[in-house]
């Protein structure tokens, strides 16, 4: 079985219901959800003129390849009515593969680990809820260390 970490976010509609629906649809596809992080209210990243997000992360087990998992997640976004209007725009659901086992994948439309995850507290913090000792296969640092480096000395360390 393959282990993956999926980050999720929503800032349109009933945010909690969007997350519950996405998790149910993931389970309905035969993907085992092992852990769910706490949920965090976060400010928008990139494009700021939009509502706050509700973010979190999942640890899943699946027999699917990373490409197959990506296709399932994109299908779930489409099924839930996600419309990609512009980069970093509002969305009812966003499902991103952050880690897939300890693999490094660099294809035009599939990059794992997620190439900007180390700059996003709204990704790192929920992953730390799941397992703060996951090692980023490129940086060779745990997600806890990446979060502490991102947050700097002004924040209490986890």
Protein backbone atom coordinates (compact mmCIF):
# COMPACT_ATOMS: atom_id res chain seq x y z
CA UNK A 1 0.00 0.00 0.00
CA UNK A 2 1.06 3.55 -0.69
CA UNK A 3 0.94 6.32 1.89
CA UNK A 4 0.05 9.84 0.78
CA UNK A 5 -0.51 13.15 2.50
CA UNK A 6 -3.25 15.25 0.94
CA UNK A 7 -3.77 18.90 1.87
CA UNK A 8 -7.24 20.36 1.47
CA UNK A 9 -8.75 23.82 1.56
CA UNK A 10 -12.02 25.60 0.94
CA UNK A 11 -13.24 29.20 1.12
CA UNK A 12 -16.56 29.15 -0.75
CA UNK A 13 -19.93 27.91 0.50
CA UNK A 14 -20.33 25.80 3.62
CA UNK A 15 -16.64 25.13 4.28
CA UNK A 16 -17.08 22.36 6.86
CA UNK A 17 -19.61 20.58 4.67
CA UNK A 18 -17.26 20.89 1.67
CA UNK A 19 -14.52 19.14 3.65
CA UNK A 20 -16.86 16.40 4.92
CA UNK A 21 -18.08 15.78 1.37
CA UNK A 22 -14.56 15.61 -0.05
CA UNK A 23 -13.43 13.13 2.62
CA UNK A 24 -16.52 10.98 2.02
CA UNK A 25 -15.87 10.97 -1.74
CA UNK A 26 -12.22 10.01 -1.15
CA UNK A 27 -13.35 7.08 1.01
CA UNK A 28 -15.97 6.13 -1.59
CA UNK A 29 -13.13 5.71 -4.12
CA UNK A 30 -11.63 2.96 -1.96
CA UNK A 31 -8.93 5.16 -0.46
CA UNK A 32 -8.39 4.54 3.25
CA UNK A 33 -8.27 7.70 5.35
CA UNK A 34 -5.91 6.93 8.24
CA UNK A 35 -5.67 10.36 9.92
CA UNK A 36 -7.31 13.77 9.64
CA UNK A 37 -5.64 16.90 10.98
CA UNK A 38 -7.24 19.69 12.91
CA UNK A 39 -8.89 22.34 10.75
CA UNK A 40 -7.38 25.82 10.54
CA UNK A 41 -8.90 29.13 9.49
CA UNK A 42 -6.26 30.81 7.34
CA UNK A 43 -5.84 33.96 5.33
CA UNK A 44 -5.73 33.62 1.54
CA UNK A 45 -2.36 32.88 -0.05
CA UNK A 46 -1.36 34.61 -3.27
CA UNK A 47 -4.58 36.42 -4.19
CA UNK A 48 -5.70 38.18 -0.98
CA UNK A 49 -9.08 39.69 -1.94
CA UNK A 50 -11.24 36.69 -1.03
CA UNK A 51 -12.71 34.99 2.08
CA UNK A 52 -10.55 33.14 4.59
CA UNK A 53 -9.90 29.45 4.01
CA UNK A 54 -10.54 26.38 6.12
CA UNK A 55 -7.48 24.13 5.68
CA UNK A 56 -6.35 20.72 6.85
CA UNK A 57 -4.65 17.53 5.75
CA UNK A 58 -5.25 13.80 5.46
CA UNK A 59 -3.03 10.77 5.64
CA UNK A 60 -4.33 8.11 3.28
CA UNK A 61 -3.40 4.61 2.19
CA UNK A 62 -4.10 3.52 -1.35
CA UNK A 63 -3.16 0.95 -3.95
CA UNK A 64 -3.36 3.73 -6.55
CA UNK A 65 -0.27 5.14 -8.21
CA UNK A 66 0.41 8.81 -7.58
CA UNK A 67 -0.92 9.67 -11.06
CA UNK A 68 -4.09 7.65 -10.42
CA UNK A 69 -4.53 9.37 -7.05
CA UNK A 70 -4.15 12.77 -8.68
CA UNK A 71 -6.82 11.87 -11.25
CA UNK A 72 -9.20 10.74 -8.49
CA UNK A 73 -8.66 14.00 -6.57
CA UNK A 74 -9.21 16.10 -9.70
CA UNK A 75 -12.40 14.13 -10.43
CA UNK A 76 -13.64 14.78 -6.88
CA UNK A 77 -12.96 18.51 -7.27
CA UNK A 78 -14.87 18.47 -10.56
CA UNK A 79 -17.72 16.41 -9.06
CA UNK A 80 -18.00 18.95 -6.24
CA UNK A 81 -18.28 21.75 -8.81
CA UNK A 82 -14.87 23.35 -8.52
CA UNK A 83 -14.29 26.01 -11.16
CA UNK A 84 -10.74 27.23 -11.73
CA UNK A 85 -11.24 30.89 -12.58
CA UNK A 86 -7.68 32.09 -11.91
CA UNK A 87 -4.56 31.11 -9.96
CA UNK A 88 -5.05 31.18 -6.19
CA UNK A 89 -8.69 32.19 -6.65
CA UNK A 90 -11.67 31.22 -4.48
CA UNK A 91 -12.62 27.55 -4.45
CA UNK A 92 -15.14 25.28 -2.82
CA UNK A 93 -12.51 22.53 -2.57
CA UNK A 94 -8.83 22.11 -3.30
CA UNK A 95 -7.14 18.71 -2.92
CA UNK A 96 -3.35 18.58 -3.31
CA UNK A 97 -0.96 15.66 -2.99
CA UNK A 98 1.84 16.89 -0.74
CA UNK A 99 3.73 13.62 -0.20
CA UNK A 100 3.43 10.22 -1.85
CA UNK A 101 5.51 7.69 0.08
CA UNK A 102 8.97 9.27 0.03
CA UNK A 103 8.95 9.67 -3.75
CA UNK A 104 10.15 12.64 -5.75
CA UNK A 105 8.06 13.15 -8.89
CA UNK A 106 8.75 15.99 -11.32
CA UNK A 107 6.40 15.90 -14.28
CA UNK A 108 4.76 18.91 -15.97
CA UNK A 109 1.40 18.37 -14.24
CA UNK A 110 2.48 16.33 -11.20
CA UNK A 111 5.10 17.49 -8.73
CA UNK A 112 5.60 15.64 -5.45
CA UNK A 113 6.48 16.76 -2.85
CA UNK A 114 4.37 19.81 -3.55
CA UNK A 115 6.92 22.40 -4.75
CA UNK A 116 5.72 25.28 -2.53
CA UNK A 117 4.60 23.38 0.58
CA UNK A 118 7.57 24.55 2.65
CA UNK A 119 6.38 28.17 2.25
CA UNK A 120 2.84 27.49 3.44
CA UNK A 121 2.04 27.32 7.12
CA UNK A 122 -1.52 26.29 6.21
CA UNK A 123 -0.03 23.10 4.71
CA UNK A 124 2.77 22.40 7.19
CA UNK A 125 0.76 22.93 10.38
CA UNK A 126 -1.96 20.35 9.55
CA UNK A 127 0.67 17.85 8.41
CA UNK A 128 2.42 18.29 11.76
CA UNK A 129 -0.88 17.31 13.42
CA UNK A 130 -0.73 14.04 11.49
CA UNK A 131 3.01 13.31 11.84
CA UNK A 132 5.54 16.05 12.59
CA UNK A 133 8.40 13.67 11.79
CA UNK A 134 7.65 13.16 8.08
CA UNK A 135 10.89 13.90 6.25
CA UNK A 136 10.78 16.02 3.09
CA UNK A 137 12.68 13.84 0.58
CA UNK A 138 14.41 16.79 -1.11
CA UNK A 139 15.19 19.06 1.85
CA UNK A 140 15.92 16.14 4.21
CA UNK A 141 14.13 18.00 7.02
CA UNK A 142 11.04 17.06 8.99
CA UNK A 143 7.82 18.98 8.44
CA UNK A 144 8.17 20.26 12.02
CA UNK A 145 11.59 21.75 11.22
CA UNK A 146 10.23 23.27 7.99
CA UNK A 147 7.34 24.81 9.94
CA UNK A 148 9.63 26.16 12.65
CA UNK A 149 11.93 27.67 10.00
CA UNK A 150 9.00 29.25 8.21
CA UNK A 151 7.50 30.73 11.34
CA UNK A 152 10.81 31.97 12.73
CA UNK A 153 11.58 32.98 16.31
CA UNK A 154 8.45 35.11 16.73
CA UNK A 155 6.25 32.04 17.17
CA UNK A 156 6.10 29.36 19.81
CA UNK A 157 7.55 26.14 18.44
CA UNK A 158 5.31 23.11 18.19
